[in-house]
Amino acid sequence: MSRKELAGKMNVSRQAVYKWENNKGYPDIENLIKLSELYNVTLDELIKGDQSFQSKIGIDRKKSEDLLDSGFIIGIILVFAGLFLDLGTFSAGVTILDFLTMFFL
């Protein structure tokens, strides 16, 4: 099947099909389902056949560990310090700075 024919059946551009074929892009889950139905293969076969694709769709364990990040912990401690210590008008600035520390570290 040509790229043009596949693109027509998948309702995507030929460039999208080209990117999929050359590992420059990956289909979303809806297109994966369409591909599996079109070629009569399971999603498991489509995904397991390509190690680089598996790594792209895998769960990013780093994101799940972000709550244990030292910047987050320091930020939480500083937020509580800013909220509960009487620092006058400086307290609001410290609290804002603490939230920024949590999210950017």
Protein backbone atom coordinates (compact mmCIF):
# COMPACT_ATOMS: atom_id res chain seq x y z
CA MET A 1 0.00 0.00 0.00
CA SER A 2 1.41 3.43 -0.87
CA ARG A 3 1.77 6.26 1.62
CA LYS A 4 -0.96 8.14 -0.20
CA GLU A 5 -3.37 5.20 0.04
CA LEU A 6 -2.61 4.63 3.72
CA ALA A 7 -2.93 8.33 4.47
CA GLY A 8 -6.33 8.36 2.75
CA LYS A 9 -7.58 5.36 4.74
CA MET A 10 -6.20 6.79 8.00
CA ASN A 11 -7.43 10.33 7.27
CA VAL A 12 -3.94 11.78 7.84
CA SER A 13 -1.39 13.43 5.57
CA ARG A 14 1.23 11.56 3.57
CA GLN A 15 3.83 13.44 5.61
CA ALA A 16 2.44 11.92 8.80
CA VAL A 17 2.80 8.44 7.34
CA TYR A 18 6.34 9.29 6.20
CA LYS A 19 7.24 10.42 9.74
CA TRP A 20 5.84 7.20 11.21
CA GLU A 21 7.84 5.09 8.78
CA ASN A 22 11.09 6.95 9.46
CA ASN A 23 10.77 7.26 13.26
CA LYS A 24 10.45 11.04 13.05
CA GLY A 25 7.00 10.98 14.61
CA TYR A 26 4.59 8.50 16.12
CA PRO A 27 0.86 7.95 15.67
CA ASP A 28 -1.46 8.83 18.51
CA ILE A 29 -3.51 6.10 20.18
CA GLU A 30 -6.51 6.58 17.86
CA ASN A 31 -4.31 6.11 14.80
CA LEU A 32 -2.63 3.10 16.39
CA ILE A 33 -6.04 1.51 16.78
CA LYS A 34 -6.87 2.30 13.14
CA LEU A 35 -3.54 0.81 12.01
CA SER A 36 -4.11 -2.34 14.03
CA GLU A 37 -7.55 -2.77 12.49
CA LEU A 38 -6.34 -1.96 8.99
CA TYR A 39 -3.46 -4.45 9.09
CA ASN A 40 -5.30 -6.97 11.28
CA VAL A 41 -2.66 -7.02 14.03
CA THR A 42 -2.94 -6.36 17.73
CA LEU A 43 -1.81 -3.14 19.36
CA ASP A 44 0.65 -5.27 21.28
CA GLU A 45 2.30 -6.41 18.04
CA LEU A 46 2.46 -2.85 16.70
CA ILE A 47 4.07 -1.43 19.83
CA LYS A 48 6.33 -4.30 20.84
CA GLY A 49 7.84 -4.44 17.38
CA ASP A 50 9.50 -1.04 17.82
CA GLN A 51 11.74 -0.48 20.86
CA SER A 52 12.12 3.26 20.23
CA PHE A 53 8.34 3.64 20.07
CA GLN A 54 7.97 1.78 23.35
CA SER A 55 10.26 4.28 25.03
CA LYS A 56 8.26 7.21 23.60
CA ILE A 57 4.93 5.99 24.95
CA GLY A 58 6.22 4.54 28.21
CA ILE A 59 5.31 6.16 31.48
CA ASP A 60 7.91 8.68 32.44
CA ARG A 61 8.95 7.46 35.88
CA LYS A 62 10.73 10.73 36.56
CA LYS A 63 7.41 12.57 36.51
CA SER A 64 5.93 10.21 39.07
CA GLU A 65 8.91 10.80 41.35
CA ASP A 66 8.72 14.61 41.16
CA LEU A 67 6.95 14.82 44.51
CA LEU A 68 10.10 13.44 46.15
CA ASP A 69 12.32 15.97 44.39
CA SER A 70 14.47 18.01 46.80
CA GLY A 71 13.28 21.31 45.29
CA PHE A 72 9.69 20.34 45.99
CA ILE A 73 10.44 19.39 49.59
CA ILE A 74 12.40 22.60 50.20
CA GLY A 75 9.57 24.60 48.65
CA ILE A 76 6.96 22.97 50.91
CA ILE A 77 9.02 23.69 54.01
CA LEU A 78 9.52 27.30 52.97
CA VAL A 79 5.81 27.74 52.14
CA PHE A 80 4.88 26.64 55.64
CA ALA A 81 7.55 28.90 57.08
CA GLY A 82 6.23 31.83 55.06
CA LEU A 83 2.64 31.14 56.05
CA PHE A 84 3.14 30.56 59.74
CA LEU A 85 6.02 32.84 60.64
CA ASP A 86 5.07 36.45 61.17
CA LEU A 87 7.35 38.23 58.72
CA GLY A 88 4.98 41.12 58.03
CA THR A 89 4.61 42.19 54.42
CA PHE A 90 7.69 40.16 53.56
CA SER A 91 5.73 36.97 54.33
CA ALA A 92 3.66 37.13 51.12
CA GLY A 93 6.79 37.55 49.01
CA VAL A 94 8.46 34.61 50.73
CA THR A 95 5.39 32.42 50.13
CA ILE A 96 5.31 33.30 46.43
CA LEU A 97 9.03 32.65 46.14
CA ASP A 98 8.52 29.29 47.86
CA PHE A 99 5.84 28.22 45.38
CA LEU A 100 8.14 29.17 42.53
CA THR A 101 10.93 27.12 44.15
CA MET A 102 8.67 24.08 44.30
CA PHE A 103 7.69 24.22 40.66
CA PHE A 104 10.96 25.22 39.04
CA LEU A 105 13.41 23.12 41.02
